[in-house]
Amino acid sequence: MTKEEVKKKWASTRKLLEITDSEYNGVTQEAANLRFIKAKLQIAVYYLRMLDEHDSEYQVPWNKEQFKWLLRKPVGDKKKQQAKEWCHQCRLIRDKACTNWNYEEEKTA
């Protein structure tokens, strides 16, 4: 996939994961937990975007319902742990796939 195709594919997910001003400035534990979860999922999506850019095959570690559940309030330790695990799984998927990626620049005549 091209970078533009990848960007379009993940646009709605990235929009969901944007940290709003109220979340960023929130002083409650729930606001901090939500910031943590969104940050971890942003990293996970970054790894998946890299896989798409290199046309790697992979299985997303969550489904739509699980993803929405994670972002729904109340947000506690169980959801934080799940976000951390998904981020780690995506990194491992990326690490395994990137051993086959060709980083050589294309030669132009």
Protein backbone atom coordinates (compact mmCIF):
# COMPACT_ATOMS: atom_id res chain seq x y z
CA MET A 1 0.00 0.00 0.00
CA THR A 2 1.10 3.54 -0.55
CA LYS A 3 1.44 5.92 2.37
CA GLU A 4 -1.72 7.74 1.25
CA GLU A 5 -3.73 4.50 1.10
CA VAL A 6 -2.51 3.55 4.56
CA LYS A 7 -3.35 7.01 5.88
CA LYS A 8 -6.92 6.71 4.55
CA LYS A 9 -7.32 3.18 5.94
CA TRP A 10 -6.44 4.25 9.49
CA ALA A 11 -7.94 7.78 9.43
CA SER A 12 -11.12 6.99 11.38
CA THR A 13 -9.22 4.98 13.99
CA ARG A 14 -6.68 7.76 14.44
CA LYS A 15 -9.54 10.25 14.85
CA LEU A 16 -11.01 8.12 17.66
CA LEU A 17 -7.63 8.04 19.38
CA GLU A 18 -7.02 11.78 19.36
CA ILE A 19 -6.62 13.07 22.88
CA THR A 20 -9.05 15.94 23.38
CA ASP A 21 -8.22 19.09 25.31
CA SER A 22 -10.47 18.05 28.18
CA GLU A 23 -8.73 14.66 28.39
CA TYR A 24 -5.31 16.27 28.12
CA ASN A 25 -6.05 18.86 30.79
CA GLY A 26 -8.10 16.50 32.99
CA VAL A 27 -6.79 15.96 36.48
CA THR A 28 -8.89 12.94 37.41
CA GLN A 29 -7.57 9.39 37.45
CA GLU A 30 -10.05 8.47 34.73
CA ALA A 31 -8.71 11.20 32.43
CA ALA A 32 -5.15 9.97 33.05
CA ASN A 33 -6.20 6.37 32.34
CA LEU A 34 -7.91 7.39 29.11
CA ARG A 35 -4.82 9.34 27.99
CA PHE A 36 -2.69 6.27 28.71
CA ILE A 37 -5.00 3.96 26.75
CA LYS A 38 -5.21 6.28 23.76
CA ALA A 39 -1.45 6.76 23.73
CA LYS A 40 -0.83 3.00 23.77
CA LEU A 41 -3.36 2.45 20.99
CA GLN A 42 -1.82 5.25 18.93
CA ILE A 43 1.50 3.42 19.14
CA ALA A 44 -0.17 0.11 18.21
CA VAL A 45 -1.82 1.72 15.18
CA TYR A 46 1.55 3.18 14.18
CA TYR A 47 3.00 -0.33 14.12
CA LEU A 48 0.06 -1.64 12.07
CA ARG A 49 0.42 1.24 9.62
CA MET A 50 4.06 0.27 9.12
CA LEU A 51 2.96 -3.27 8.33
CA ASP A 52 0.47 -1.97 5.77
CA GLU A 53 3.10 0.24 4.14
CA HIS A 54 5.25 -2.84 3.61
CA ASP A 55 2.30 -5.00 2.47
CA SER A 56 2.81 -7.40 5.36
CA GLU A 57 0.04 -9.77 6.36
CA TYR A 58 -1.08 -9.64 9.97
CA GLN A 59 -4.04 -10.19 12.28
CA VAL A 60 -5.19 -7.15 14.27
CA PRO A 61 -5.21 -8.22 17.95
CA TRP A 62 -8.65 -6.68 18.59
CA ASN A 63 -12.05 -6.51 16.97
CA LYS A 64 -14.33 -3.48 16.64
CA GLU A 65 -16.36 -4.25 19.78
CA GLN A 66 -13.24 -4.78 21.92
CA PHE A 67 -11.76 -1.54 20.64
CA LYS A 68 -14.89 0.46 21.46
CA TRP A 69 -15.14 -1.20 24.89
CA LEU A 70 -11.61 -0.10 25.69
CA LEU A 71 -12.41 3.55 24.97
CA ARG A 72 -15.71 3.57 26.89
CA LYS A 73 -15.88 4.96 30.39
CA PRO A 74 -15.30 3.93 33.13
CA VAL A 75 -11.64 3.34 32.40
CA GLY A 76 -9.69 1.33 34.94
CA ASP A 77 -6.66 -0.85 35.39
CA LYS A 78 -8.12 -3.78 33.41
CA LYS A 79 -8.51 -1.62 30.31
CA LYS A 80 -5.07 -0.06 30.80
CA GLN A 81 -3.53 -3.53 30.94
CA GLN A 82 -5.41 -4.58 27.79
CA ALA A 83 -4.16 -1.51 25.87
CA LYS A 84 -0.62 -2.26 27.00
CA GLU A 85 -0.91 -5.88 25.83
CA TRP A 86 -2.29 -4.90 22.42
CA CYS A 87 0.47 -2.37 21.94
CA HIS A 88 3.06 -5.02 22.82
CA GLN A 89 1.44 -7.57 20.50
CA CYS A 90 1.51 -5.09 17.61
CA ARG A 91 5.18 -4.35 18.27
CA LEU A 92 5.99 -8.07 18.23
CA ILE A 93 4.05 -8.52 14.96
CA ARG A 94 5.95 -5.59 13.45
CA ASP A 95 9.31 -6.86 14.75
CA LYS A 96 8.71 -10.29 13.27
CA ALA A 97 7.62 -8.88 9.90
CA CYS A 98 10.34 -6.26 9.56
CA THR A 99 13.08 -8.87 9.27
CA ASN A 100 11.83 -9.43 5.72
CA TRP A 101 11.54 -5.79 4.70
CA ASN A 102 13.84 -4.41 2.07
CA TYR A 103 15.25 -1.07 3.16
CA GLU A 104 17.36 -0.48 0.07
CA GLU A 105 16.42 2.61 -1.85
CA GLU A 106 15.12 2.14 -5.34
CA LYS A 107 17.69 3.03 -7.96
CA THR A 108 16.68 5.69 -10.42
CA ALA A 109 18.24 5.68 -13.85
